[in-house]
Amino acid sequence: MKRIGMLTSGGDCQALNAAMRGVVKSITVRDPEVEIYGFLEGYRGLIYGNFRMLSGHDFSGILTKGGTILGSSRTPFKTIKDPDENGLDKVEAMKQNYYKLKLDCLVILGGNGTHKTANLLREEGLNVITLPKTIDNDLWGTDMTFGFQSAVNIATDAIDCIHTTAASHGRVFIVEVMGHKVGWLTLNAGMAGGADIILIPEIPYDIDKVVDAINKRKERGSKFTILAVAEGAISKEDAALSKKELREKQKNTKYPSVSYEVAARIQEKTGAEVRVTVPGHTQRGGSPCPYDRVFASRLGSEAGKLILDGEYGFMVGIKNREIIKVPLEDVAGKLKYVSPDASIIKEAKMLGISFGD
């Protein structure tokens, strides 16, 4: 009989429940007596021993349910080795709770920071399997993360809805899409939604080039322009600053986010009316799309197989449409950025999309 611990860490997203369901269903087919311990609110639950026993009934009817039945929280990797406010050694506490429950394996679902901590626990001797969760699709070692396609659908719907009002009023509209460090979500939603300008963190923009793109549309008779802007988009001027200088500037800015700064500068240079729309956390919410349901189920199924076969220390991912296992040490701490030379960027430019560069 296997004893499995499970937790979801970091920001929530669609298909977390579908992935956990996939793990449990694939294990119970071969080991009906398996015991599942769900740690509540991510690593916090593992640190403080906050868990509950889960049965097959807990995983029934959750394939289509967004969020996570276990709850989640952010436990930054950079402070994971620091004692808590009561002096508790968090890493040691996680290990002790693992051993107290006599777990055979810990299944961890999360993004980049989550994987750093998961790899630390692996280095500390725990049996760990991870699943790649993030709407940013920025985890190294996998072509796709679950939650990404659902978020693309939502962000695309937001851009679609803006089209009619932008055309009606002849305005410039900015739709701010999630993504602090990586632009996969903005790039895909922008292309799918027919955005005219896409600004992502990997390609610093020149505001004059952005304005040129807007003016060229006017010259061609287009009365409106739609920009898809990643929340981490950065100007060429800001990209040239040191990290300290950039933090200082961002701390003292009068703008709520980069989109409002872009809007102000466009309005100042063109006189056009500019409106900003921020879908925000709606991009994380709601029911997972069919693609994510299938994808998360496949990942969960393979994770279950690895557990039953006693193969630990891997993230389950996908490459060339095939489910694969990737050593955790190869994944932790690495981000998958959009290359400015990527074929998708070149193809977007061929369609007339400006990246402000």
Protein backbone atom coordinates (compact mmCIF):
# COMPACT_ATOMS: atom_id res chain seq x y z
CA MET A 1 0.00 0.00 0.00
CA LYS A 2 1.30 3.42 -1.01
CA ARG A 3 1.02 6.53 1.20
CA ILE A 4 1.02 9.67 -0.93
CA GLY A 5 1.19 13.31 0.17
CA MET A 6 -0.13 15.99 -2.17
CA LEU A 7 -0.07 19.79 -2.22
CA THR A 8 -0.72 22.71 -4.58
CA SER A 9 1.55 25.72 -4.15
CA GLY A 10 1.75 29.25 -5.55
CA GLY A 11 -0.93 31.06 -7.53
CA ASP A 12 -3.96 28.95 -8.34
CA CYS A 13 -5.03 28.18 -11.90
CA GLN A 14 -7.37 26.00 -13.88
CA ALA A 15 -6.88 22.20 -13.98
CA LEU A 16 -5.12 21.78 -10.64
CA ASN A 17 -8.01 19.59 -9.56
CA ALA A 18 -7.98 17.71 -12.87
CA ALA A 19 -4.27 16.94 -12.44
CA MET A 20 -4.70 15.68 -8.86
CA ARG A 21 -7.65 13.58 -9.97
CA GLY A 22 -5.47 12.07 -12.71
CA VAL A 23 -2.78 11.09 -10.21
CA VAL A 24 -5.22 9.45 -7.80
CA LYS A 25 -7.30 7.63 -10.41
CA SER A 26 -4.23 6.19 -12.13
CA ILE A 27 -2.85 4.90 -8.80
CA THR A 28 -6.11 3.45 -7.45
CA VAL A 29 -6.57 1.34 -10.59
CA ARG A 30 -3.51 -0.68 -9.50
CA ASP A 31 -3.50 0.02 -5.75
CA PRO A 32 -7.06 0.52 -4.40
CA GLU A 33 -5.74 0.69 -0.82
CA VAL A 34 -3.56 3.76 -1.43
CA GLU A 35 -3.72 6.47 1.23
CA ILE A 36 -3.77 10.11 0.12
CA TYR A 37 -2.83 12.94 2.49
CA GLY A 38 -3.74 16.38 1.21
CA PHE A 39 -1.68 19.22 2.69
CA LEU A 40 -3.71 22.40 2.91
CA GLU A 41 -2.58 25.78 1.59
CA GLY A 42 0.57 24.59 -0.16
CA TYR A 43 3.91 24.27 1.60
CA ARG A 44 2.37 25.97 4.62
CA GLY A 45 0.35 22.82 5.25
CA LEU A 46 3.44 20.64 4.97
CA ILE A 47 5.39 22.92 7.32
CA TYR A 48 2.75 23.03 10.06
CA GLY A 49 1.28 19.57 9.59
CA ASN A 50 -2.09 20.85 8.37
CA PHE A 51 -3.52 18.03 6.28
CA ARG A 52 -6.53 15.82 5.80
CA MET A 53 -7.01 12.29 4.58
CA LEU A 54 -8.60 12.16 1.16
CA SER A 55 -10.74 9.43 -0.34
CA GLY A 56 -11.83 8.68 -3.87
CA HIS A 57 -14.99 10.71 -3.23
CA ASP A 58 -12.88 13.87 -2.85
CA PHE A 59 -11.68 13.48 -6.43
CA SER A 60 -15.09 12.75 -7.91
CA GLY A 61 -16.68 15.57 -9.91
CA ILE A 62 -13.65 17.87 -9.81
CA LEU A 63 -12.41 17.43 -13.40
CA THR A 64 -14.22 20.60 -14.47
CA LYS A 65 -13.71 22.56 -11.26
CA GLY A 66 -11.27 25.49 -11.21
CA GLY A 67 -9.00 26.44 -8.32
CA THR A 68 -7.77 23.74 -5.96
CA ILE A 69 -9.64 21.67 -3.39
CA LEU A 70 -6.53 21.78 -1.18
CA GLY A 71 -6.12 25.54 -1.19
CA SER A 72 -2.83 27.24 -2.02
CA SER A 73 -0.39 29.86 -0.75
CA ARG A 74 2.88 31.45 -1.76
CA THR A 75 5.91 30.38 0.28
CA PRO A 76 8.86 32.17 -1.35
CA PHE A 77 11.89 29.99 -1.99
CA LYS A 78 14.26 32.80 -1.01
CA THR A 79 12.97 32.64 2.58
CA ILE A 80 12.29 28.91 2.83
CA LYS A 81 15.49 28.33 4.84
CA ASP A 82 14.78 31.22 7.21
CA PRO A 83 13.12 30.33 10.54
CA ASP A 84 9.50 31.43 10.91
CA GLU A 85 8.42 34.07 13.44
CA ASN A 86 8.58 31.43 16.20
CA GLY A 87 12.02 30.17 15.22
CA LEU A 88 10.74 27.04 13.46
CA ASP A 89 13.09 25.50 10.88
CA LYS A 90 10.68 25.23 7.95
CA VAL A 91 12.69 22.74 5.90
CA GLU A 92 13.20 20.45 8.87
CA ALA A 93 9.50 20.73 9.76
CA MET A 94 8.50 19.63 6.24
CA LYS A 95 10.82 16.65 6.46
CA GLN A 96 9.53 15.63 9.87
CA ASN A 97 5.89 15.78 8.77
CA TYR A 98 6.76 13.69 5.72
CA TYR A 99 8.40 11.04 7.90
CA LYS A 100 5.72 11.13 10.63
CA LEU A 101 3.11 10.15 8.06
CA LYS A 102 5.46 7.51 6.61
CA LEU A 103 4.89 8.87 3.11
CA ASP A 104 6.24 7.02 0.10
CA CYS A 105 6.11 10.13 -2.05
CA LEU A 106 5.13 13.77 -2.15
CA VAL A 107 3.27 15.04 -5.24
CA ILE A 108 3.73 18.78 -5.70
CA LEU A 109 1.85 20.89 -8.22
CA GLY A 110 3.21 24.35 -8.91
CA GLY A 111 5.29 26.79 -10.91
CA ASN A 112 8.88 28.00 -10.84
CA GLY A 113 9.23 28.90 -7.16
CA THR A 114 7.37 25.75 -6.17
CA HIS A 115 9.80 23.64 -8.17
CA LYS A 116 12.81 25.22 -6.47
CA THR A 117 11.48 24.15 -3.09
CA ALA A 118 10.49 20.73 -4.44
CA ASN A 119 14.04 20.21 -5.67
CA LEU A 120 15.36 21.28 -2.26
CA LEU A 121 13.19 18.61 -0.62
CA ARG A 122 14.52 16.08 -3.13
CA GLU A 123 18.06 17.06 -2.16
CA GLU A 124 17.06 16.55 1.47
CA GLY A 125 16.16 12.95 0.69
CA LEU A 126 12.39 13.05 0.15
CA ASN A 127 10.71 11.21 -2.73
CA VAL A 128 9.14 13.91 -4.89
CA ILE A 129 7.15 14.03 -8.14
CA THR A 130 6.03 17.39 -9.55
CA LEU A 131 3.48 18.58 -12.09
CA PRO A 132 3.93 21.84 -14.06
CA LYS A 133 1.24 24.35 -13.13
CA THR A 134 1.26 27.97 -14.28
CA ILE A 135 -0.73 30.23 -16.58
CA ASP A 136 2.60 31.77 -17.65
CA ASN A 137 3.87 28.62 -19.42
CA ASP A 138 7.36 29.58 -18.25
CA LEU A 139 8.62 26.33 -16.70
CA TRP A 140 11.76 24.98 -18.32
CA GLY A 141 11.71 21.40 -19.54
CA THR A 142 8.12 21.24 -20.79
CA ASP A 143 6.48 22.62 -23.91
CA MET A 144 3.30 23.38 -22.00
CA THR A 145 2.01 23.91 -18.47
CA PHE A 146 -1.57 23.26 -17.47
CA GLY A 147 -3.61 26.38 -16.82
CA PHE A 148 -1.91 28.18 -19.70
CA GLN A 149 -4.42 27.38 -22.43
CA SER A 150 -7.38 28.22 -20.19
CA ALA A 151 -5.80 31.58 -19.36
CA VAL A 152 -5.12 32.22 -23.06
CA ASN A 153 -8.81 31.62 -23.75
CA ILE A 154 -9.89 34.11 -21.08
CA ALA A 155 -7.40 36.80 -22.10
CA THR A 156 -8.39 36.31 -25.74
CA ASP A 157 -12.07 36.72 -24.84
CA ALA A 158 -11.19 40.02 -23.15
CA ILE A 159 -9.44 41.26 -26.29
CA ASP A 160 -12.34 40.04 -28.43
CA CYS A 161 -14.80 42.03 -26.32
CA ILE A 162 -12.66 45.17 -26.58
CA HIS A 163 -12.74 45.06 -30.39
CA THR A 164 -16.34 46.18 -30.70
CA THR A 165 -16.12 49.10 -28.30
CA ALA A 166 -12.72 50.15 -29.71
CA ALA A 167 -14.15 50.16 -33.23
CA SER A 168 -17.30 51.98 -32.15
CA HIS A 169 -15.44 54.85 -30.47
CA GLY A 170 -12.28 54.94 -32.56
CA ARG A 171 -10.02 54.71 -29.53
CA VAL A 172 -6.75 53.10 -28.58
CA PHE A 173 -7.33 50.26 -26.14
CA ILE A 174 -4.74 48.49 -23.99
CA VAL A 175 -5.54 45.07 -22.54
CA GLU A 176 -3.08 44.19 -19.76
CA VAL A 177 -2.35 40.48 -19.63
CA MET A 178 -0.68 38.61 -16.77
CA GLY A 179 3.03 37.80 -17.03
CA HIS A 180 5.70 39.59 -14.97
CA LYS A 181 8.81 37.98 -16.43
CA VAL A 182 7.66 35.99 -19.46
CA GLY A 183 5.38 36.89 -22.36
CA TRP A 184 3.93 33.59 -23.58
CA LEU A 185 0.42 34.38 -22.36
CA THR A 186 0.34 37.90 -23.82
CA LEU A 187 1.87 36.73 -27.09
CA ASN A 188 -0.64 33.93 -27.63
CA ALA A 189 -3.69 35.89 -26.46
CA GLY A 190 -2.59 38.92 -28.47
CA MET A 191 -2.25 36.92 -31.66
CA ALA A 192 -5.48 35.01 -31.06
CA GLY A 193 -7.37 38.22 -30.30
CA GLY A 194 -6.04 40.15 -33.27
CA ALA A 195 -4.07 42.72 -31.27
CA ASP A 196 -2.20 45.22 -33.42
CA ILE A 197 0.65 45.75 -30.97
CA ILE A 198 2.01 43.24 -28.45
CA LEU A 199 4.43 44.26 -25.71
CA ILE A 200 6.21 41.52 -23.75
CA PRO A 201 9.05 41.52 -21.18
CA GLU A 202 11.54 39.82 -23.50
CA ILE A 203 11.36 42.55 -26.15
CA PRO A 204 11.87 46.02 -24.61
CA TYR A 205 9.70 48.54 -26.45
CA ASP A 206 10.43 51.97 -27.88
CA ILE A 207 7.39 54.18 -27.27
CA ASP A 208 8.07 56.04 -30.51
CA LYS A 209 7.87 52.75 -32.43
CA VAL A 210 4.58 52.02 -30.68
CA VAL A 211 3.26 55.45 -31.69
CA ASP A 212 4.49 54.91 -35.26
CA ALA A 213 2.50 51.68 -35.46
CA ILE A 214 -0.64 53.50 -34.25
CA ASN A 215 -0.14 56.33 -36.75
CA LYS A 216 0.39 53.91 -39.64
CA ARG A 217 -2.93 52.27 -38.84
CA LYS A 218 -4.58 55.69 -38.94
CA GLU A 219 -3.01 56.40 -42.32
CA ARG A 220 -4.45 53.13 -43.62
CA GLY A 221 -7.91 54.16 -42.45
CA SER A 222 -8.07 52.20 -39.19
CA LYS A 223 -9.81 54.25 -36.53
CA PHE A 224 -8.73 52.14 -33.57
CA THR A 225 -5.73 50.20 -32.27
CA ILE A 226 -5.58 47.41 -29.72
CA LEU A 227 -2.48 46.69 -27.65
CA ALA A 228 -1.93 43.50 -25.65
CA VAL A 229 0.56 44.47 -22.93
CA ALA A 230 2.17 42.05 -20.49
CA GLU A 231 2.22 43.33 -16.91
CA GLY A 232 5.99 42.91 -17.04
CA ALA A 233 6.52 44.76 -20.33
CA ILE A 234 9.45 47.16 -20.15
CA SER A 235 10.67 50.13 -22.18
CA LYS A 236 14.15 50.23 -23.69
CA GLU A 237 15.01 53.07 -21.31
CA ASP A 238 14.00 51.07 -18.26
CA ALA A 239 15.70 47.92 -19.56
CA ALA A 240 18.98 49.86 -19.59
CA LEU A 241 18.70 50.66 -15.87
CA SER A 242 20.35 48.62 -13.15
CA LYS A 243 18.06 46.45 -11.02
CA LYS A 244 18.43 48.90 -8.15
CA GLU A 245 17.60 51.91 -10.35
CA LEU A 246 14.60 50.12 -11.85
CA ARG A 247 13.23 49.15 -8.42
CA GLU A 248 13.59 52.75 -7.27
CA LYS A 249 11.77 54.07 -10.33
CA GLN A 250 8.95 51.54 -9.99
CA LYS A 251 8.60 52.36 -6.29
CA ASN A 252 8.11 56.05 -7.05
CA THR A 253 5.97 55.79 -10.18
CA LYS A 254 2.55 57.40 -10.25
CA TYR A 255 1.14 54.72 -12.53
CA PRO A 256 -0.72 51.63 -11.20
CA SER A 257 1.00 49.45 -13.82
CA VAL A 258 3.04 49.64 -17.01
CA SER A 259 -0.12 49.73 -19.14
CA TYR A 260 -1.16 53.05 -17.62
CA GLU A 261 2.28 54.49 -18.29
CA VAL A 262 2.12 53.31 -21.91
CA ALA A 263 -1.38 54.79 -22.19
CA ALA A 264 -0.26 58.17 -20.83
CA ARG A 265 2.69 58.35 -23.20
CA ILE A 266 0.59 57.40 -26.23
CA GLN A 267 -2.02 59.99 -25.32
CA GLU A 268 0.67 62.62 -24.81
CA LYS A 269 2.30 61.91 -28.19
CA THR A 270 -0.83 61.38 -30.32
CA GLY A 271 -3.71 63.11 -28.56
CA ALA A 272 -5.72 59.92 -29.01
CA GLU A 273 -8.12 58.70 -26.35
CA VAL A 274 -6.56 55.66 -24.66
CA ARG A 275 -8.37 53.23 -22.37
CA VAL A 276 -6.86 50.45 -20.24
CA THR A 277 -8.59 47.17 -19.42
CA VAL A 278 -7.11 44.77 -16.86
CA PRO A 279 -8.72 41.28 -16.81
CA GLY A 280 -6.51 40.48 -13.82
CA HIS A 281 -7.27 37.36 -11.83
CA THR A 282 -10.13 36.34 -14.10
CA GLN A 283 -7.31 34.81 -16.17
CA ARG A 284 -6.69 32.31 -13.35
CA GLY A 285 -10.30 31.51 -12.69
CA GLY A 286 -13.20 29.48 -13.92
CA SER A 287 -13.45 25.99 -15.33
CA PRO A 288 -10.44 24.56 -17.20
CA CYS A 289 -10.81 24.41 -20.97
CA PRO A 290 -11.05 20.96 -22.60
CA TYR A 291 -7.38 21.05 -23.64
CA ASP A 292 -6.25 21.61 -20.04
CA ARG A 293 -8.57 18.90 -18.73
CA VAL A 294 -7.05 16.33 -21.07
CA PHE A 295 -3.49 17.59 -20.63
CA ALA A 296 -3.65 17.68 -16.83
CA SER A 297 -5.22 14.22 -16.77
CA ARG A 298 -2.39 12.86 -18.92
CA LEU A 299 0.24 14.41 -16.65
CA GLY A 300 -1.49 13.04 -13.57
CA SER A 301 -1.72 9.58 -15.09
CA GLU A 302 2.00 9.49 -15.86
CA ALA A 303 2.82 10.80 -12.37
CA GLY A 304 0.79 7.94 -10.91
CA LYS A 305 2.74 5.45 -13.00
CA LEU A 306 6.07 6.87 -11.81
CA ILE A 307 4.94 6.60 -8.19
CA LEU A 308 3.81 2.99 -8.57
CA ASP A 309 7.10 2.15 -10.31
CA GLY A 310 9.11 3.86 -7.57
CA GLU A 311 10.64 6.47 -9.90
CA TYR A 312 11.07 9.72 -8.01
CA GLY A 313 12.79 13.07 -8.45
CA PHE A 314 11.06 14.02 -11.69
CA MET A 315 8.75 16.66 -13.10
CA VAL A 316 6.21 15.26 -15.55
CA GLY A 317 6.03 17.42 -18.68
CA ILE A 318 5.37 17.28 -22.40
CA LYS A 319 7.69 17.47 -25.42
CA ASN A 320 6.54 17.17 -29.01
CA ARG A 321 3.10 16.10 -27.76
CA GLU A 322 4.50 13.17 -25.79
CA ILE A 323 4.42 13.03 -21.98
CA ILE A 324 7.94 12.87 -20.55
CA LYS A 325 9.76 12.89 -17.21
CA VAL A 326 12.41 15.55 -16.54
CA PRO A 327 14.90 15.41 -13.64
CA LEU A 328 13.91 17.99 -11.04
CA GLU A 329 17.44 19.33 -10.76
CA ASP A 330 17.28 20.23 -14.46
CA VAL A 331 14.06 22.21 -14.00
CA ALA A 332 14.46 24.12 -10.73
CA GLY A 333 15.43 27.76 -11.08
CA LYS A 334 15.13 27.93 -14.87
CA LEU A 335 12.55 29.94 -16.78
CA LYS A 336 11.42 29.35 -20.36
CA TYR A 337 11.49 32.76 -22.00
CA VAL A 338 10.11 33.89 -25.35
CA SER A 339 13.11 34.31 -27.63
CA PRO A 340 12.96 37.52 -29.71
CA ASP A 341 14.20 35.34 -32.57
CA ALA A 342 11.53 32.66 -32.12
CA SER A 343 9.59 31.66 -35.21
CA ILE A 344 6.31 32.72 -33.60
CA ILE A 345 7.65 36.26 -33.18
CA LYS A 346 8.79 36.36 -36.81
CA GLU A 347 5.43 35.04 -37.97
CA ALA A 348 3.57 37.61 -35.86
CA LYS A 349 5.63 40.39 -37.42
CA MET A 350 4.83 39.02 -40.87
CA LEU A 351 1.16 39.47 -39.96
CA GLY A 352 1.87 43.16 -39.28
CA ILE A 353 1.94 42.95 -35.50
CA SER A 354 4.30 45.46 -33.88
CA PHE A 355 6.36 44.61 -30.80
CA GLY A 356 7.53 48.19 -30.35
CA ASP A 357 11.09 47.29 -31.28
